[in-house]
Amino acid sequence: MVTDTKIKMTPEQATSFNRVSIINASIVSHSLSCGCQPYQDVFTYNRWLAQGYQVQRGEHSLKLGIIKEVERETDNGETELRKIFGNAHVFCRHQVKPIDGKQGTSTITPAITPTIKIEPVKPIEPINTTPIADNDIMKGWELIK
């Protein structure tokens, strides 16, 4: 008998995140020319399924590097939590379509909407590169013998 050990998630769970990665969000923003927003319009295959959407045949995913936490048994028989590197494959909203018979849910996640506006960095003023005369540097100092 084969049992499915994978936990199914609800549409609410599929659009909420415990942690967000600024690096992965910037990779998604720069990689997709369609204007899809990370954590709002871009999800993994299983998250799209939980929301009632199917990834269209032939669509290619965007691969993101992630760190997974995995429980492993030690030689003593104890379990320890280890962090390993992995990949997540994500699809944007333009790559999915609603599953027949299911109502697609909204993919807007207000919990991760930025709370402050990020201003662009102001350009740095150039450094004064005019040479200083040697006698000006030591002005006001006297040599101790």
Foldseek 3Di string as FASTA:
>chain_A
DDDDPDDQDALVVLLDDPDDDPVVQVVVCVVDPPRFGPSQFKGAQRSCVNQQKHFDPPDFWDKDKDWDWDWDADPVRDIDTDIDIDITTMDGNVRIDGHPPDDGDHRGDPVPDDPDDDDDDDDDDDDPPDDDDPVVVQPPHDDDD
